[in-house]
Amino acid sequence: MRVTAKLYGDLRRRLPKGEESITLVLPVGAAVGDFGRAIGFEDGEVWKVSIDGQLVEEDHALRDGDTVLFFPPIEGGSEP
């Protein structure tokens, strides 16, 4: 099945040069975490993942044609 991902923030460094997204062919039954590992994400590198406007977990099963949005941890701000 073909699944596309859009990466945000520092995660964009994993995209091919000049590309806005990455599409992989994954086996049926693959999960969000499988996609992340396939493009080299390390533990803790991804903070939130969304499909069709819904937050999903690493074990969420992907479907052919999905577009997955990967967001890095938020940085900055200050403690009160």
N, C-alpha and C. Protein backbone atom coordinates (compact mmCIF):
# COMPACT_ATOMS: atom_id res chain seq x y z
N MET A 1 0.84 -1.17 0.00
CA MET A 1 0.00 0.00 0.00
C MET A 1 0.89 1.24 0.00
N ARG A 2 0.40 2.31 -0.61
CA ARG A 2 1.15 3.56 -0.69
C ARG A 2 0.65 4.52 0.38
N VAL A 3 1.60 5.05 1.16
CA VAL A 3 1.29 5.99 2.23
C VAL A 3 2.24 7.18 2.09
N THR A 4 1.68 8.39 2.24
CA THR A 4 2.46 9.61 2.13
C THR A 4 2.58 10.26 3.49
N ALA A 5 3.72 10.89 3.75
CA ALA A 5 3.91 11.61 5.00
C ALA A 5 4.38 13.02 4.71
N LYS A 6 3.88 13.95 5.52
CA LYS A 6 4.37 15.32 5.54
C LYS A 6 5.04 15.51 6.89
N LEU A 7 6.24 16.06 6.85
CA LEU A 7 7.03 16.23 8.06
C LEU A 7 7.16 17.71 8.37
N TYR A 8 7.10 18.04 9.65
CA TYR A 8 7.14 19.43 10.07
C TYR A 8 8.34 19.70 10.96
N GLY A 9 8.72 20.97 11.05
CA GLY A 9 9.83 21.38 11.90
C GLY A 9 11.12 20.70 11.48
N ASP A 10 11.92 20.35 12.47
CA ASP A 10 13.22 19.73 12.23
C ASP A 10 13.11 18.37 11.55
N LEU A 11 11.94 17.74 11.60
CA LEU A 11 11.76 16.43 10.97
C LEU A 11 11.91 16.51 9.45
N ARG A 12 11.72 17.70 8.89
CA ARG A 12 11.81 17.88 7.43
C ARG A 12 13.17 17.47 6.88
N ARG A 13 14.19 17.40 7.74
CA ARG A 13 15.52 17.01 7.26
C ARG A 13 15.52 15.58 6.73
N ARG A 14 14.51 14.81 7.08
CA ARG A 14 14.40 13.43 6.60
C ARG A 14 13.79 13.34 5.18
N LEU A 15 13.30 14.46 4.67
CA LEU A 15 12.71 14.47 3.32
C LEU A 15 13.80 14.49 2.26
N PRO A 16 13.52 13.90 1.11
CA PRO A 16 14.47 14.05 0.00
C PRO A 16 14.60 15.54 -0.35
N LYS A 17 15.79 15.96 -0.71
CA LYS A 17 16.06 17.37 -1.00
C LYS A 17 15.05 17.93 -2.00
N GLY A 18 14.45 19.06 -1.62
CA GLY A 18 13.50 19.74 -2.50
C GLY A 18 12.08 19.19 -2.48
N GLU A 19 11.84 18.16 -1.68
CA GLU A 19 10.51 17.54 -1.63
C GLU A 19 9.71 18.08 -0.44
N GLU A 20 8.39 18.10 -0.59
CA GLU A 20 7.47 18.55 0.46
C GLU A 20 6.90 17.38 1.26
N SER A 21 7.01 16.15 0.71
CA SER A 21 6.47 14.97 1.38
C SER A 21 7.28 13.76 0.92
N ILE A 22 6.99 12.63 1.54
CA ILE A 22 7.63 11.37 1.16
C ILE A 22 6.56 10.29 1.08
N THR A 23 6.61 9.48 0.03
CA THR A 23 5.66 8.39 -0.14
C THR A 23 6.42 7.08 -0.13
N LEU A 24 5.92 6.14 0.66
CA LEU A 24 6.52 4.81 0.75
C LEU A 24 5.48 3.76 0.39
N VAL A 25 5.96 2.63 -0.08
CA VAL A 25 5.11 1.46 -0.28
C VAL A 25 5.38 0.55 0.91
N LEU A 26 4.33 0.31 1.69
CA LEU A 26 4.42 -0.49 2.91
C LEU A 26 3.53 -1.71 2.80
N PRO A 27 3.84 -2.76 3.54
CA PRO A 27 2.97 -3.94 3.51
C PRO A 27 1.62 -3.67 4.17
N VAL A 28 0.61 -4.34 3.70
CA VAL A 28 -0.72 -4.23 4.32
C VAL A 28 -0.57 -4.60 5.80
N GLY A 29 -1.19 -3.81 6.66
CA GLY A 29 -1.11 -4.05 8.10
C GLY A 29 -0.05 -3.21 8.79
N ALA A 30 0.73 -2.44 8.01
CA ALA A 30 1.75 -1.58 8.61
C ALA A 30 1.10 -0.50 9.46
N ALA A 31 1.82 -0.07 10.49
CA ALA A 31 1.33 0.95 11.41
C ALA A 31 2.15 2.23 11.27
N VAL A 32 1.68 3.29 11.90
CA VAL A 32 2.37 4.58 11.87
C VAL A 32 3.84 4.41 12.28
N GLY A 33 4.10 3.65 13.33
CA GLY A 33 5.47 3.44 13.80
C GLY A 33 6.35 2.77 12.76
N ASP A 34 5.75 1.88 11.95
CA ASP A 34 6.51 1.23 10.88
C ASP A 34 6.99 2.26 9.86
N PHE A 35 6.12 3.20 9.52
CA PHE A 35 6.49 4.26 8.58
C PHE A 35 7.64 5.07 9.17
N GLY A 36 7.48 5.49 10.43
CA GLY A 36 8.52 6.28 11.08
C GLY A 36 9.87 5.58 11.10
N ARG A 37 9.87 4.30 11.43
CA ARG A 37 11.12 3.55 11.45
C ARG A 37 11.70 3.41 10.05
N ALA A 38 10.85 3.29 9.04
CA ALA A 38 11.31 3.15 7.66
C ALA A 38 12.07 4.39 7.18
N ILE A 39 11.73 5.56 7.72
CA ILE A 39 12.45 6.77 7.31
C ILE A 39 13.47 7.21 8.34
N GLY A 40 13.69 6.37 9.36
CA GLY A 40 14.79 6.59 10.28
C GLY A 40 14.51 7.41 11.53
N PHE A 41 13.24 7.59 11.90
CA PHE A 41 12.96 8.31 13.14
C PHE A 41 13.51 7.53 14.33
N GLU A 42 14.04 8.27 15.29
CA GLU A 42 14.54 7.67 16.53
C GLU A 42 13.49 7.86 17.63
N ASP A 43 13.59 7.08 18.70
CA ASP A 43 12.66 7.21 19.83
C ASP A 43 12.67 8.65 20.34
N GLY A 44 11.49 9.21 20.55
CA GLY A 44 11.35 10.56 21.07
C GLY A 44 11.47 11.67 20.04
N GLU A 45 11.78 11.31 18.80
CA GLU A 45 11.95 12.33 17.76
C GLU A 45 10.62 12.89 17.28
N VAL A 46 9.57 12.09 17.35
CA VAL A 46 8.24 12.52 16.92
C VAL A 46 7.38 12.73 18.15
N TRP A 47 6.64 13.84 18.16
CA TRP A 47 5.80 14.16 19.31
C TRP A 47 4.34 13.82 19.04
N LYS A 48 3.81 14.26 17.92
CA LYS A 48 2.41 14.02 17.57
C LYS A 48 2.33 13.54 16.13
N VAL A 49 1.31 12.70 15.88
CA VAL A 49 1.05 12.19 14.54
C VAL A 49 -0.44 12.34 14.27
N SER A 50 -0.78 12.80 13.07
CA SER A 50 -2.17 13.04 12.71
C SER A 50 -2.48 12.42 11.35
N ILE A 51 -3.66 11.84 11.25
CA ILE A 51 -4.20 11.34 9.98
C ILE A 51 -5.63 11.84 9.90
N ASP A 52 -5.97 12.49 8.79
CA ASP A 52 -7.32 13.02 8.58
C ASP A 52 -7.78 13.90 9.74
N GLY A 53 -6.86 14.70 10.28
CA GLY A 53 -7.22 15.64 11.35
C GLY A 53 -7.38 15.02 12.72
N GLN A 54 -7.07 13.74 12.84
CA GLN A 54 -7.19 13.05 14.13
C GLN A 54 -5.81 12.63 14.62
N LEU A 55 -5.53 12.89 15.90
CA LEU A 55 -4.27 12.42 16.47
C LEU A 55 -4.32 10.90 16.59
N VAL A 56 -3.22 10.25 16.24
CA VAL A 56 -3.15 8.79 16.29
C VAL A 56 -1.87 8.38 17.02
N GLU A 57 -1.83 7.14 17.45
CA GLU A 57 -0.68 6.58 18.16
C GLU A 57 0.19 5.79 17.18
N GLU A 58 1.36 5.41 17.67
CA GLU A 58 2.33 4.68 16.86
C GLU A 58 1.78 3.36 16.32
N ASP A 59 0.85 2.74 17.05
CA ASP A 59 0.32 1.44 16.63
C ASP A 59 -0.91 1.55 15.72
N HIS A 60 -1.29 2.78 15.34
CA HIS A 60 -2.44 2.98 14.47
C HIS A 60 -2.18 2.35 13.10
N ALA A 61 -3.10 1.50 12.64
CA ALA A 61 -2.95 0.83 11.35
C ALA A 61 -3.16 1.82 10.21
N LEU A 62 -2.25 1.77 9.25
CA LEU A 62 -2.33 2.63 8.08
C LEU A 62 -3.20 1.98 7.01
N ARG A 63 -3.75 2.85 6.15
CA ARG A 63 -4.55 2.36 5.01
C ARG A 63 -3.95 2.92 3.73
N ASP A 64 -4.15 2.20 2.66
CA ASP A 64 -3.66 2.66 1.36
C ASP A 64 -4.19 4.06 1.07
N GLY A 65 -3.29 4.96 0.69
CA GLY A 65 -3.69 6.32 0.36
C GLY A 65 -3.66 7.30 1.52
N ASP A 66 -3.37 6.83 2.74
CA ASP A 66 -3.30 7.74 3.89
C ASP A 66 -2.22 8.79 3.68
N THR A 67 -2.46 9.98 4.24
CA THR A 67 -1.43 11.01 4.38
C THR A 67 -1.24 11.23 5.87
N VAL A 68 -0.04 10.99 6.32
CA VAL A 68 0.30 11.07 7.74
C VAL A 68 1.10 12.34 7.98
N LEU A 69 0.74 13.08 9.03
CA LEU A 69 1.47 14.30 9.40
C LEU A 69 2.27 14.01 10.66
N PHE A 70 3.59 14.22 10.60
CA PHE A 70 4.48 14.00 11.74
C PHE A 70 4.95 15.34 12.27
N PHE A 71 4.81 15.55 13.58
CA PHE A 71 5.21 16.79 14.23
C PHE A 71 6.29 16.51 15.27
N PRO A 72 7.34 17.36 15.34
CA PRO A 72 8.39 17.17 16.33
C PRO A 72 7.96 17.71 17.69
N PRO A 73 8.73 17.39 18.72
CA PRO A 73 8.47 18.00 20.03
C PRO A 73 8.55 19.52 19.93
N ILE A 74 7.72 20.19 20.71
CA ILE A 74 7.71 21.66 20.74
C ILE A 74 8.87 22.10 21.64
N GLU A 75 9.58 23.12 21.20
CA GLU A 75 10.68 23.65 21.99
C GLU A 75 10.45 25.12 22.24
N GLY A 76 11.11 25.64 23.26
CA GLY A 76 11.05 27.07 23.52
C GLY A 76 10.15 27.37 24.70
N GLY A 77 9.89 28.65 24.90
CA GLY A 77 9.08 29.06 26.03
C GLY A 77 9.93 29.18 27.27
N SER A 78 9.29 29.46 28.36
CA SER A 78 10.03 29.58 29.62
C SER A 78 9.16 29.08 30.76
N GLU A 79 9.81 28.70 31.81
CA GLU A 79 9.11 28.24 32.99
C GLU A 79 8.62 29.45 33.78
N PRO A 80 7.44 29.37 34.40
CA PRO A 80 6.94 30.49 35.19
C PRO A 80 7.78 30.74 36.43
